[in-house]
Amino acid sequence: QVQLVESGGGLAQPGGSLRLSCAASGIDFRRIDMAWYRQAPGKQRDLVASITVGGNTKYTDPVKGRFTISRDNAKGTVYLQMNSLKVEDTAVYYCTTASPYNGNPYWGQGIQVTVSS
């Protein structure tokens, strides 16, 4: 059974930092691309950042230069380092991947990030 478990969310002040982690189990982590999405209240779920098996990364424009996605294949974990946080970064953040065999998507349970003074 594939599980994605996020951690590291919480409350931060504008300009502050948080690091999200997503631990994967039940799947060969070295064979899967990973991504972070976020969903703010009343809005759709949008892609934030992605990282391929080979370590290639992509970011949505609003987070470029502030967020960094990385992965540790030995730990089966993907990270999202979020710096210079803004109020508009407030959202539930989800990590996601897909089966390398059939493309079935998997999602974590989501974790709240709140940026407020």
PDB file of N, CA and C in Angstrom:
ATOM      1  N   GLN A   1       0.842  -1.188   0.000  1.00  0.00           N
ATOM      2  CA  GLN A   1       0.000   0.000   0.000  1.00  0.00           C
ATOM      3  C   GLN A   1       0.880   1.242   0.000  1.00  0.00           C
ATOM      4  N   VAL A   2       0.622   2.115  -0.963  1.00  0.00           N
ATOM      5  CA  VAL A   2       1.404   3.337  -1.085  1.00  0.00           C
ATOM      6  C   VAL A   2       0.898   4.364  -0.085  1.00  0.00           C
ATOM      7  N   GLN A   3       1.833   4.952   0.635  1.00  0.00           N
ATOM      8  CA  GLN A   3       1.484   6.027   1.559  1.00  0.00           C
ATOM      9  C   GLN A   3       2.433   7.193   1.376  1.00  0.00           C
ATOM     10  N   LEU A   4       1.866   8.389   1.403  1.00  0.00           N
ATOM     11  CA  LEU A   4       2.632   9.624   1.396  1.00  0.00           C
ATOM     12  C   LEU A   4       2.237  10.402   2.637  1.00  0.00           C
ATOM     13  N   VAL A   5       3.205  10.702   3.483  1.00  0.00           N
ATOM     14  CA  VAL A   5       2.906  11.360   4.752  1.00  0.00           C
ATOM     15  C   VAL A   5       3.691  12.668   4.842  1.00  0.00           C
ATOM     16  N   GLU A   6       2.932  13.767   4.863  1.00  0.00           N
ATOM     17  CA  GLU A   6       3.555  15.085   4.948  1.00  0.00           C
ATOM     18  C   GLU A   6       3.769  15.495   6.393  1.00  0.00           C
ATOM     19  N   SER A   7       4.770  16.323   6.606  1.00  0.00           N
ATOM     20  CA  SER A   7       5.026  16.892   7.926  1.00  0.00           C
ATOM     21  C   SER A   7       5.745  18.216   7.753  1.00  0.00           C
ATOM     22  N   GLY A   8       5.786  18.993   8.825  1.00  0.00           N
ATOM     23  CA  GLY A   8       6.560  20.222   8.827  1.00  0.00           C
ATOM     24  C   GLY A   8       5.776  21.493   8.610  1.00  0.00           C
ATOM     25  N   GLY A   9       4.489  21.399   8.450  1.00  0.00           N
ATOM     26  CA  GLY A   9       3.697  22.598   8.248  1.00  0.00           C
ATOM     27  C   GLY A   9       3.491  23.361   9.548  1.00  0.00           C
ATOM     28  N   GLY A  10       2.680  24.392   9.478  1.00  0.00           N
ATOM     29  CA  GLY A  10       2.388  25.171  10.671  1.00  0.00           C
ATOM     30  C   GLY A  10       2.246  26.638  10.355  1.00  0.00           C
ATOM     31  N   LEU A  11       2.526  27.445  11.365  1.00  0.00           N
ATOM     32  CA  LEU A  11       2.372  28.890  11.271  1.00  0.00           C
ATOM     33  C   LEU A  11       3.740  29.547  11.132  1.00  0.00           C
ATOM     34  N   ALA A  12       3.837  30.478  10.199  1.00  0.00           N
ATOM     35  CA  ALA A  12       5.051  31.260  10.020  1.00  0.00           C
ATOM     36  C   ALA A  12       4.678  32.711   9.793  1.00  0.00           C
ATOM     37  N   GLN A  13       5.585  33.590  10.120  1.00  0.00           N
ATOM     38  CA  GLN A  13       5.382  35.008   9.865  1.00  0.00           C
ATOM     39  C   GLN A  13       5.815  35.344   8.447  1.00  0.00           C
ATOM     40  N   PRO A  14       5.262  36.372   7.870  1.00  0.00           N
ATOM     41  CA  PRO A  14       5.744  36.812   6.561  1.00  0.00           C
ATOM     42  C   PRO A  14       7.253  37.045   6.591  1.00  0.00           C
ATOM     43  N   GLY A  15       7.929  36.528   5.566  1.00  0.00           N
ATOM     44  CA  GLY A  15       9.383  36.597   5.529  1.00  0.00           C
ATOM     45  C   GLY A  15      10.070  35.421   6.182  1.00  0.00           C
ATOM     46  N   GLY A  16       9.305  34.580   6.851  1.00  0.00           N
ATOM     47  CA  GLY A  16       9.874  33.431   7.540  1.00  0.00           C
ATOM     48  C   GLY A  16      10.043  32.229   6.639  1.00  0.00           C
ATOM     49  N   SER A  17      10.405  31.123   7.274  1.00  0.00           N
ATOM     50  CA  SER A  17      10.692  29.893   6.521  1.00  0.00           C
ATOM     51  C   SER A  17      10.018  28.690   7.173  1.00  0.00           C
ATOM     52  N   LEU A  18       9.703  27.718   6.347  1.00  0.00           N
ATOM     53  CA  LEU A  18       9.245  26.415   6.783  1.00  0.00           C
ATOM     54  C   LEU A  18       9.809  25.376   5.836  1.00  0.00           C
ATOM     55  N   ARG A  19       9.982  24.163   6.329  1.00  0.00           N
ATOM     56  CA  ARG A  19      10.384  23.064   5.463  1.00  0.00           C
ATOM     57  C   ARG A  19       9.376  21.933   5.600  1.00  0.00           C
ATOM     58  N   LEU A  20       8.784  21.593   4.478  1.00  0.00           N
ATOM     59  CA  LEU A  20       7.859  20.463   4.438  1.00  0.00           C
ATOM     60  C   LEU A  20       8.608  19.197   4.033  1.00  0.00           C
ATOM     61  N   SER A  21       8.178  18.095   4.603  1.00  0.00           N
ATOM     62  CA  SER A  21       8.713  16.786   4.236  1.00  0.00           C
ATOM     63  C   SER A  21       7.566  15.883   3.824  1.00  0.00           C
ATOM     64  N   CYS A  22       7.857  14.969   2.933  1.00  0.00           N
ATOM     65  CA  CYS A  22       6.874  13.975   2.514  1.00  0.00           C
ATOM     66  C   CYS A  22       7.584  12.632   2.412  1.00  0.00           C
ATOM     67  N   ALA A  23       7.235  11.736   3.310  1.00  0.00           N
ATOM     68  CA  ALA A  23       7.838  10.412   3.335  1.00  0.00           C
ATOM     69  C   ALA A  23       6.964   9.426   2.578  1.00  0.00           C
ATOM     70  N   ALA A  24       7.559   8.747   1.615  1.00  0.00           N
ATOM     71  CA  ALA A  24       6.835   7.778   0.796  1.00  0.00           C
ATOM     72  C   ALA A  24       7.157   6.359   1.242  1.00  0.00           C
ATOM     73  N   SER A  25       6.154   5.508   1.213  1.00  0.00           N
ATOM     74  CA  SER A  25       6.352   4.094   1.510  1.00  0.00           C
ATOM     75  C   SER A  25       5.469   3.260   0.602  1.00  0.00           C
ATOM     76  N   GLY A  26       5.857   1.993   0.412  1.00  0.00           N
ATOM     77  CA  GLY A  26       5.061   1.106  -0.421  1.00  0.00           C
ATOM     78  C   GLY A  26       5.278   1.289  -1.906  1.00  0.00           C
ATOM     79  N   ILE A  27       6.327   2.018  -2.265  1.00  0.00           N
ATOM     80  CA  ILE A  27       6.609   2.295  -3.674  1.00  0.00           C
ATOM     81  C   ILE A  27       8.112   2.481  -3.824  1.00  0.00           C
ATOM     82  N   ASP A  28       8.645   2.126  -5.001  1.00  0.00           N
ATOM     83  CA  ASP A  28      10.082   2.304  -5.247  1.00  0.00           C
ATOM     84  C   ASP A  28      10.364   3.778  -5.499  1.00  0.00           C
ATOM     85  N   PHE A  29      10.804   4.458  -4.463  1.00  0.00           N
ATOM     86  CA  PHE A  29      10.942   5.912  -4.525  1.00  0.00           C
ATOM     87  C   PHE A  29      11.910   6.344  -5.616  1.00  0.00           C
ATOM     88  N   ARG A  30      12.901   5.521  -5.895  1.00  0.00           N
ATOM     89  CA  ARG A  30      13.916   5.904  -6.881  1.00  0.00           C
ATOM     90  C   ARG A  30      13.368   5.922  -8.296  1.00  0.00           C
ATOM     91  N   ARG A  31      12.172   5.410  -8.501  1.00  0.00           N
ATOM     92  CA  ARG A  31      11.601   5.319  -9.851  1.00  0.00           C
ATOM     93  C   ARG A  31      10.459   6.304 -10.085  1.00  0.00           C
ATOM     94  N   ILE A  32      10.210   7.165  -9.139  1.00  0.00           N
ATOM     95  CA  ILE A  32       9.043   8.039  -9.264  1.00  0.00           C
ATOM     96  C   ILE A  32       9.410   9.517  -9.192  1.00  0.00           C
ATOM     97  N   ASP A  33       8.770  10.302 -10.056  1.00  0.00           N
ATOM     98  CA  ASP A  33       8.827  11.743  -9.931  1.00  0.00           C
ATOM     99  C   ASP A  33       7.928  12.155  -8.769  1.00  0.00           C
ATOM    100  N   MET A  34       8.244  13.300  -8.169  1.00  0.00           N
ATOM    101  CA  MET A  34       7.461  13.783  -7.028  1.00  0.00           C
ATOM    102  C   MET A  34       7.066  15.235  -7.260  1.00  0.00           C
ATOM    103  N   ALA A  35       6.010  15.656  -6.614  1.00  0.00           N
ATOM    104  CA  ALA A  35       5.562  17.038  -6.760  1.00  0.00           C
ATOM    105  C   ALA A  35       4.838  17.496  -5.503  1.00  0.00           C
ATOM    106  N   TRP A  36       4.829  18.801  -5.350  1.00  0.00           N
ATOM    107  CA  TRP A  36       4.039  19.456  -4.300  1.00  0.00           C
ATOM    108  C   TRP A  36       2.973  20.308  -4.976  1.00  0.00           C
ATOM    109  N   TYR A  37       1.763  20.207  -4.470  1.00  0.00           N
ATOM    110  CA  TYR A  37       0.654  21.059  -4.867  1.00  0.00           C
ATOM    111  C   TYR A  37       0.184  21.826  -3.635  1.00  0.00           C
ATOM    112  N   ARG A  38      -0.601  22.850  -3.862  1.00  0.00           N
ATOM    113  CA  ARG A  38      -1.226  23.556  -2.755  1.00  0.00           C
ATOM    114  C   ARG A  38      -2.625  24.008  -3.154  1.00  0.00           C
ATOM    115  N   GLN A  39      -3.459  24.127  -2.127  1.00  0.00           N
ATOM    116  CA  GLN A  39      -4.832  24.559  -2.345  1.00  0.00           C
ATOM    117  C   GLN A  39      -5.215  25.549  -1.262  1.00  0.00           C
ATOM    118  N   ALA A  40      -5.468  26.777  -1.699  1.00  0.00           N
ATOM    119  CA  ALA A  40      -5.917  27.814  -0.782  1.00  0.00           C
ATOM    120  C   ALA A  40      -7.437  27.745  -0.677  1.00  0.00           C
ATOM    121  N   PRO A  41      -8.013  28.283   0.400  1.00  0.00           N
ATOM    122  CA  PRO A  41      -9.471  28.235   0.571  1.00  0.00           C
ATOM    123  C   PRO A  41     -10.192  28.840  -0.625  1.00  0.00           C
ATOM    124  N   GLY A  42     -11.145  28.110  -1.172  1.00  0.00           N
ATOM    125  CA  GLY A  42     -11.941  28.598  -2.276  1.00  0.00           C
ATOM    126  C   GLY A  42     -11.258  28.578  -3.623  1.00  0.00           C
ATOM    127  N   LYS A  43     -10.062  28.002  -3.684  1.00  0.00           N
ATOM    128  CA  LYS A  43      -9.319  27.977  -4.940  1.00  0.00           C
ATOM    129  C   LYS A  43      -9.025  26.541  -5.349  1.00  0.00           C
ATOM    130  N   GLN A  44      -8.607  26.377  -6.582  1.00  0.00           N
ATOM    131  CA  GLN A  44      -8.271  25.040  -7.059  1.00  0.00           C
ATOM    132  C   GLN A  44      -6.889  24.635  -6.556  1.00  0.00           C
ATOM    133  N   ARG A  45      -6.624  23.342  -6.650  1.00  0.00           N
ATOM    134  CA  ARG A  45      -5.328  22.823  -6.259  1.00  0.00           C
ATOM    135  C   ARG A  45      -4.338  23.058  -7.401  1.00  0.00           C
ATOM    136  N   ASP A  46      -3.236  23.702  -7.106  1.00  0.00           N
ATOM    137  CA  ASP A  46      -2.273  24.075  -8.131  1.00  0.00           C
ATOM    138  C   ASP A  46      -0.899  23.477  -7.850  1.00  0.00           C
ATOM    139  N   LEU A  47      -0.182  23.201  -8.918  1.00  0.00           N
ATOM    140  CA  LEU A  47       1.176  22.701  -8.804  1.00  0.00           C
ATOM    141  C   LEU A  47       2.102  23.789  -8.262  1.00  0.00           C
ATOM    142  N   VAL A  48       2.939  23.430  -7.312  1.00  0.00           N
ATOM    143  CA  VAL A  48       3.918  24.352  -6.746  1.00  0.00           C
ATOM    144  C   VAL A  48       5.310  24.054  -7.296  1.00  0.00           C
ATOM    145  N   ALA A  49       5.707  22.783  -7.194  1.00  0.00           N
ATOM    146  CA  ALA A  49       7.055  22.398  -7.616  1.00  0.00           C
ATOM    147  C   ALA A  49       7.067  20.910  -7.903  1.00  0.00           C
ATOM    148  N   SER A  50       7.995  20.511  -8.761  1.00  0.00           N
ATOM    149  CA  SER A  50       8.138  19.093  -9.085  1.00  0.00           C
ATOM    150  C   SER A  50       9.611  18.747  -9.213  1.00  0.00           C
ATOM    151  N   ILE A  51       9.899  17.466  -9.018  1.00  0.00           N
ATOM    152  CA  ILE A  51      11.274  16.983  -9.155  1.00  0.00           C
ATOM    153  C   ILE A  51      11.223  15.601  -9.782  1.00  0.00           C
ATOM    154  N   THR A  52      12.059  15.405 -10.789  1.00  0.00           N
ATOM    155  CA  THR A  52      12.063  14.131 -11.481  1.00  0.00           C
ATOM    156  C   THR A  52      12.992  13.137 -10.786  1.00  0.00           C
ATOM    157  N   VAL A  53      12.957  11.909 -11.283  1.00  0.00           N
ATOM    158  CA  VAL A  53      13.862  10.876 -10.780  1.00  0.00           C
ATOM    159  C   VAL A  53      15.304  11.343 -10.904  1.00  0.00           C
ATOM    160  N   GLY A  54      15.599  12.044 -11.982  1.00  0.00           N
ATOM    161  CA  GLY A  54      16.953  12.518 -12.228  1.00  0.00           C
ATOM    162  C   GLY A  54      17.320  13.791 -11.507  1.00  0.00           C
ATOM    163  N   GLY A  55      16.367  14.349 -10.763  1.00  0.00           N
ATOM    164  CA  GLY A  55      16.656  15.551 -10.001  1.00  0.00           C
ATOM    165  C   GLY A  55      16.338  16.863 -10.701  1.00  0.00           C
ATOM    166  N   ASN A  56      15.726  16.801 -11.867  1.00  0.00           N
ATOM    167  CA  ASN A  56      15.332  18.031 -12.544  1.00  0.00           C
ATOM    168  C   ASN A  56      14.124  18.640 -11.837  1.00  0.00           C
ATOM    169  N   THR A  57      14.157  19.949 -11.656  1.00  0.00           N
ATOM    170  CA  THR A  57      13.109  20.620 -10.896  1.00  0.00           C
ATOM    171  C   THR A  57      12.393  21.673 -11.734  1.00  0.00           C
ATOM    172  N   LYS A  58      11.150  21.909 -11.373  1.00  0.00           N
ATOM    173  CA  LYS A  58      10.335  22.967 -11.974  1.00  0.00           C
ATOM    174  C   LYS A  58       9.542  23.638 -10.864  1.00  0.00           C
ATOM    175  N   TYR A  59       9.255  24.931 -11.073  1.00  0.00           N
ATOM    176  CA  TYR A  59       8.532  25.699 -10.074  1.00  0.00           C
ATOM    177  C   TYR A  59       7.488  26.573 -10.750  1.00  0.00           C
ATOM    178  N   THR A  60       6.394  26.779 -10.062  1.00  0.00           N
ATOM    179  CA  THR A  60       5.434  27.756 -10.538  1.00  0.00           C
ATOM    180  C   THR A  60       6.022  29.144 -10.292  1.00  0.00           C
ATOM    181  N   ASP A  61       5.669  30.088 -11.151  1.00  0.00           N
ATOM    182  CA  ASP A  61       6.305  31.407 -11.099  1.00  0.00           C
ATOM    183  C   ASP A  61       6.223  32.088  -9.730  1.00  0.00           C
ATOM    184  N   PRO A  62       5.093  32.028  -9.020  1.00  0.00           N
ATOM    185  CA  PRO A  62       5.008  32.762  -7.747  1.00  0.00           C
ATOM    186  C   PRO A  62       6.002  32.298  -6.675  1.00  0.00           C
ATOM    187  N   VAL A  63       6.581  31.107  -6.820  1.00  0.00           N
ATOM    188  CA  VAL A  63       7.486  30.622  -5.777  1.00  0.00           C
ATOM    189  C   VAL A  63       8.930  30.552  -6.236  1.00  0.00           C
ATOM    190  N   LYS A  64       9.168  30.863  -7.489  1.00  0.00           N
ATOM    191  CA  LYS A  64      10.547  30.795  -8.002  1.00  0.00           C
ATOM    192  C   LYS A  64      11.463  31.723  -7.208  1.00  0.00           C
ATOM    193  N   GLY A  65      12.625  31.184  -6.849  1.00  0.00           N
ATOM    194  CA  GLY A  65      13.580  31.963  -6.080  1.00  0.00           C
ATOM    195  C   GLY A  65      13.331  31.945  -4.584  1.00  0.00           C
ATOM    196  N   ARG A  66      12.180  31.404  -4.171  1.00  0.00           N
ATOM    197  CA  ARG A  66      11.861  31.350  -2.728  1.00  0.00           C
ATOM    198  C   ARG A  66      11.742  29.912  -2.230  1.00  0.00           C
ATOM    199  N   PHE A  67      11.214  29.029  -3.051  1.00  0.00           N
ATOM    200  CA  PHE A  67      11.010  27.632  -2.656  1.00  0.00           C
ATOM    201  C   PHE A  67      12.033  26.745  -3.355  1.00  0.00           C
ATOM    202  N   THR A  68      12.418  25.673  -2.675  1.00  0.00           N
ATOM    203  CA  THR A  68      13.324  24.695  -3.255  1.00  0.00           C
ATOM    204  C   THR A  68      12.816  23.291  -2.965  1.00  0.00           C
ATOM    205  N   ILE A  69      12.636  22.524  -4.018  1.00  0.00           N
ATOM    206  CA  ILE A  69      12.239  21.133  -3.867  1.00  0.00           C
ATOM    207  C   ILE A  69      13.485  20.256  -3.977  1.00  0.00           C
ATOM    208  N   SER A  70      13.536  19.229  -3.151  1.00  0.00           N
ATOM    209  CA  SER A  70      14.674  18.310  -3.184  1.00  0.00           C
ATOM    210  C   SER A  70      14.203  16.930  -2.757  1.00  0.00           C
ATOM    211  N   ARG A  71      15.054  15.949  -2.964  1.00  0.00           N
ATOM    212  CA  ARG A  71      14.673  14.588  -2.612  1.00  0.00           C
ATOM    213  C   ARG A  71      15.867  13.848  -2.042  1.00  0.00           C
ATOM    214  N   ASP A  72      15.568  12.905  -1.154  1.00  0.00           N
ATOM    215  CA  ASP A  72      16.576  12.022  -0.583  1.00  0.00           C
ATOM    216  C   ASP A  72      16.111  10.598  -0.874  1.00  0.00           C
ATOM    217  N   ASN A  73      16.701  10.005  -1.887  1.00  0.00           N
ATOM    218  CA  ASN A  73      16.251   8.680  -2.300  1.00  0.00           C
ATOM    219  C   ASN A  73      16.502   7.621  -1.227  1.00  0.00           C
ATOM    220  N   ALA A  74      17.554   7.788  -0.465  1.00  0.00           N
ATOM    221  CA  ALA A  74      17.851   6.811   0.590  1.00  0.00           C
ATOM    222  C   ALA A  74      16.776   6.818   1.676  1.00  0.00           C
ATOM    223  N   LYS A  75      16.189   7.986   1.900  1.00  0.00           N
ATOM    224  CA  LYS A  75      15.153   8.114   2.931  1.00  0.00           C
ATOM    225  C   LYS A  75      13.747   8.027   2.346  1.00  0.00           C
ATOM    226  N   GLY A  76      13.652   8.001   1.014  1.00  0.00           N
ATOM    227  CA  GLY A  76      12.329   7.964   0.400  1.00  0.00           C
ATOM    228  C   GLY A  76      11.511   9.196   0.719  1.00  0.00           C
ATOM    229  N   THR A  77      12.161  10.346   0.745  1.00  0.00           N
ATOM    230  CA  THR A  77      11.524  11.574   1.195  1.00  0.00           C
ATOM    231  C   THR A  77      11.782  12.712   0.217  1.00  0.00           C
ATOM    232  N   VAL A  78      10.747  13.503   0.010  1.00  0.00           N
ATOM    233  CA  VAL A  78      10.870  14.719  -0.774  1.00  0.00           C
ATOM    234  C   VAL A  78      10.621  15.905   0.160  1.00  0.00           C
ATOM    235  N   TYR A  79      11.329  16.993  -0.084  1.00  0.00           N
ATOM    236  CA  TYR A  79      11.254  18.167   0.765  1.00  0.00           C
ATOM    237  C   TYR A  79      10.806  19.386  -0.043  1.00  0.00           C
ATOM    238  N   LEU A  80      10.243  20.341   0.657  1.00  0.00           N
ATOM    239  CA  LEU A  80       9.960  21.641   0.080  1.00  0.00           C
ATOM    240  C   LEU A  80      10.418  22.687   1.085  1.00  0.00           C
ATOM    241  N   GLN A  81      11.556  23.312   0.777  1.00  0.00           N
ATOM    242  CA  GLN A  81      12.064  24.395   1.605  1.00  0.00           C
ATOM    243  C   GLN A  81      11.411  25.691   1.141  1.00  0.00           C
ATOM    244  N   MET A  82      10.717  26.347   2.049  1.00  0.00           N
ATOM    245  CA  MET A  82       9.977  27.553   1.711  1.00  0.00           C
ATOM    246  C   MET A  82      10.564  28.726   2.482  1.00  0.00           C
ATOM    247  N   ASN A  83      11.164  29.644   1.758  1.00  0.00           N
ATOM    248  CA  ASN A  83      11.754  30.838   2.354  1.00  0.00           C
ATOM    249  C   ASN A  83      10.998  32.082   1.913  1.00  0.00           C
ATOM    250  N   SER A  84      11.247  33.176   2.596  1.00  0.00           N
ATOM    251  CA  SER A  84      10.605  34.453   2.267  1.00  0.00           C
ATOM    252  C   SER A  84       9.104  34.274   2.090  1.00  0.00           C
ATOM    253  N   LEU A  85       8.506  33.595   3.034  1.00  0.00           N
ATOM    254  CA  LEU A  85       7.082  33.269   2.920  1.00  0.00           C
ATOM    255  C   LEU A  85       6.225  34.521   2.876  1.00  0.00           C
ATOM    256  N   LYS A  86       5.137  34.426   2.121  1.00  0.00           N
ATOM    257  CA  LYS A  86       4.186  35.502   1.964  1.00  0.00           C
ATOM    258  C   LYS A  86       2.814  35.040   2.447  1.00  0.00           C
ATOM    259  N   VAL A  87       1.974  35.984   2.782  1.00  0.00           N
ATOM    260  CA  VAL A  87       0.612  35.644   3.224  1.00  0.00           C
ATOM    261  C   VAL A  87      -0.085  34.787   2.174  1.00  0.00           C
ATOM    262  N   GLU A  88       0.157  35.092   0.914  1.00  0.00           N
ATOM    263  CA  GLU A  88      -0.506  34.356  -0.165  1.00  0.00           C
ATOM    264  C   GLU A  88       0.004  32.931  -0.337  1.00  0.00           C
ATOM    265  N   ASP A  89       1.032  32.544   0.410  1.00  0.00           N
ATOM    266  CA  ASP A  89       1.466  31.149   0.402  1.00  0.00           C
ATOM    267  C   ASP A  89       0.607  30.279   1.326  1.00  0.00           C
ATOM    268  N   THR A  90      -0.271  30.895   2.077  1.00  0.00           N
ATOM    269  CA  THR A  90      -1.161  30.156   2.966  1.00  0.00           C
ATOM    270  C   THR A  90      -2.040  29.202   2.159  1.00  0.00           C
ATOM    271  N   ALA A  91      -1.974  27.928   2.523  1.00  0.00           N
ATOM    272  CA  ALA A  91      -2.716  26.900   1.798  1.00  0.00           C
ATOM    273  C   ALA A  91      -2.490  25.555   2.476  1.00  0.00           C
ATOM    274  N   VAL A  92      -3.260  24.578   2.041  1.00  0.00           N
ATOM    275  CA  VAL A  92      -2.952  23.190   2.381  1.00  0.00           C
ATOM    276  C   VAL A  92      -2.017  22.670   1.291  1.00  0.00           C
ATOM    277  N   TYR A  93      -0.912  22.110   1.705  1.00  0.00           N
ATOM    278  CA  TYR A  93       0.100  21.606   0.774  1.00  0.00           C
ATOM    279  C   TYR A  93       0.020  20.082   0.716  1.00  0.00           C
ATOM    280  N   TYR A  94       0.070  19.566  -0.501  1.00  0.00           N
ATOM    281  CA  TYR A  94      -0.028  18.129  -0.736  1.00  0.00           C
ATOM    282  C   TYR A  94       1.193  17.647  -1.510  1.00  0.00           C
ATOM    283  N   CYS A  95       1.721  16.502  -1.147  1.00  0.00           N
ATOM    284  CA  CYS A  95       2.700  15.877  -2.020  1.00  0.00           C
ATOM    285  C   CYS A  95       2.004  14.784  -2.816  1.00  0.00           C
ATOM    286  N   THR A  96       2.541  14.529  -3.980  1.00  0.00           N
ATOM    287  CA  THR A  96       1.893  13.603  -4.887  1.00  0.00           C
ATOM    288  C   THR A  96       2.904  12.910  -5.762  1.00  0.00           C
ATOM    289  N   THR A  97       2.527  11.749  -6.233  1.00  0.00           N
ATOM    290  CA  THR A  97       3.317  11.018  -7.194  1.00  0.00           C
ATOM    291  C   THR A  97       2.377  10.113  -7.983  1.00  0.00           C
ATOM    292  N   ALA A  98       2.955   9.346  -8.894  1.00  0.00           N
ATOM    293  CA  ALA A  98       2.164   8.412  -9.672  1.00  0.00           C
ATOM    294  C   ALA A  98       2.934   7.109  -9.822  1.00  0.00           C
ATOM    295  N   SER A  99       2.200   6.033  -9.918  1.00  0.00           N
ATOM    296  CA  SER A  99       2.833   4.732 -10.095  1.00  0.00           C
ATOM    297  C   SER A  99       3.637   4.708 -11.383  1.00  0.00           C
ATOM    298  N   PRO A 100       4.891   4.198 -11.334  1.00  0.00           N
ATOM    299  CA  PRO A 100       5.675   4.105 -12.571  1.00  0.00           C
ATOM    300  C   PRO A 100       5.173   2.990 -13.485  1.00  0.00           C
ATOM    301  N   TYR A 101       4.235   2.165 -13.003  1.00  0.00           N
ATOM    302  CA  TYR A 101       3.754   1.033 -13.788  1.00  0.00           C
ATOM    303  C   TYR A 101       2.450   1.341 -14.514  1.00  0.00           C
ATOM    304  N   ASN A 102       1.522   1.992 -13.823  1.00  0.00           N
ATOM    305  CA  ASN A 102       0.212   2.238 -14.440  1.00  0.00           C
ATOM    306  C   ASN A 102      -0.239   3.687 -14.370  1.00  0.00           C
ATOM    307  N   GLY A 103       0.592   4.551 -13.792  1.00  0.00           N
ATOM    308  CA  GLY A 103       0.253   5.972 -13.754  1.00  0.00           C
ATOM    309  C   GLY A 103      -0.769   6.356 -12.715  1.00  0.00           C
ATOM    310  N   ASN A 104      -1.206   5.421 -11.886  1.00  0.00           N
ATOM    311  CA  ASN A 104      -2.182   5.772 -10.851  1.00  0.00           C
ATOM    312  C   ASN A 104      -1.608   6.841  -9.928  1.00  0.00           C
ATOM    313  N   PRO A 105      -2.363   7.902  -9.667  1.00  0.00           N
ATOM    314  CA  PRO A 105      -1.865   8.973  -8.802  1.00  0.00           C
ATOM    315  C   PRO A 105      -2.034   8.622  -7.326  1.00  0.00           C
ATOM    316  N   TYR A 106      -1.131   9.137  -6.534  1.00  0.00           N
ATOM    317  CA  TYR A 106      -1.202   9.009  -5.086  1.00  0.00           C
ATOM    318  C   TYR A 106      -1.008  10.383  -4.474  1.00  0.00           C
ATOM    319  N   TRP A 107      -1.778  10.643  -3.418  1.00  0.00           N
ATOM    320  CA  TRP A 107      -1.728  11.936  -2.731  1.00  0.00           C
ATOM    321  C   TRP A 107      -1.533  11.727  -1.244  1.00  0.00           C
ATOM    322  N   GLY A 108      -0.779  12.660  -0.636  1.00  0.00           N
ATOM    323  CA  GLY A 108      -0.729  12.691   0.803  1.00  0.00           C
ATOM    324  C   GLY A 108      -2.004  13.286   1.369  1.00  0.00           C
ATOM    325  N   GLN A 109      -2.088  13.327   2.677  1.00  0.00           N
ATOM    326  CA  GLN A 109      -3.308  13.805   3.332  1.00  0.00           C
ATOM    327  C   GLN A 109      -3.385  15.320   3.359  1.00  0.00           C
ATOM    328  N   GLY A 110      -2.281  15.971   3.054  1.00  0.00           N
ATOM    329  CA  GLY A 110      -2.240  17.425   3.071  1.00  0.00           C
ATOM    330  C   GLY A 110      -1.795  17.960   4.411  1.00  0.00           C
ATOM    331  N   ILE A 111      -1.131  19.116   4.377  1.00  0.00           N
ATOM    332  CA  ILE A 111      -0.672  19.738   5.605  1.00  0.00           C
ATOM    333  C   ILE A 111      -0.855  21.247   5.490  1.00  0.00           C
ATOM    334  N   GLN A 112      -1.336  21.839   6.561  1.00  0.00           N
ATOM    335  CA  GLN A 112      -1.657  23.263   6.555  1.00  0.00           C
ATOM    336  C   GLN A 112      -0.398  24.103   6.742  1.00  0.00           C
ATOM    337  N   VAL A 113      -0.270  25.106   5.893  1.00  0.00           N
ATOM    338  CA  VAL A 113       0.751  26.142   6.041  1.00  0.00           C
ATOM    339  C   VAL A 113       0.014  27.476   6.133  1.00  0.00           C
ATOM    340  N   THR A 114       0.250  28.191   7.211  1.00  0.00           N
ATOM    341  CA  THR A 114      -0.387  29.484   7.420  1.00  0.00           C
ATOM    342  C   THR A 114       0.692  30.532   7.614  1.00  0.00           C
ATOM    343  N   VAL A 115       0.624  31.566   6.796  1.00  0.00           N
ATOM    344  CA  VAL A 115       1.585  32.670   6.894  1.00  0.00           C
ATOM    345  C   VAL A 115       0.807  33.896   7.346  1.00  0.00           C
ATOM    346  N   SER A 116       1.125  34.354   8.541  1.00  0.00           N
ATOM    347  CA  SER A 116       0.370  35.456   9.124  1.00  0.00           C
ATOM    348  C   SER A 116       1.220  36.150  10.178  1.00  0.00           C
ATOM    349  N   SER A 117       1.005  37.442  10.301  1.00  0.00           N
ATOM    350  CA  SER A 117       1.685  38.197  11.349  1.00  0.00           C
ATOM    351  C   SER A 117       0.820  38.276  12.599  1.00  0.00           C
TER     352      SER A 117
END
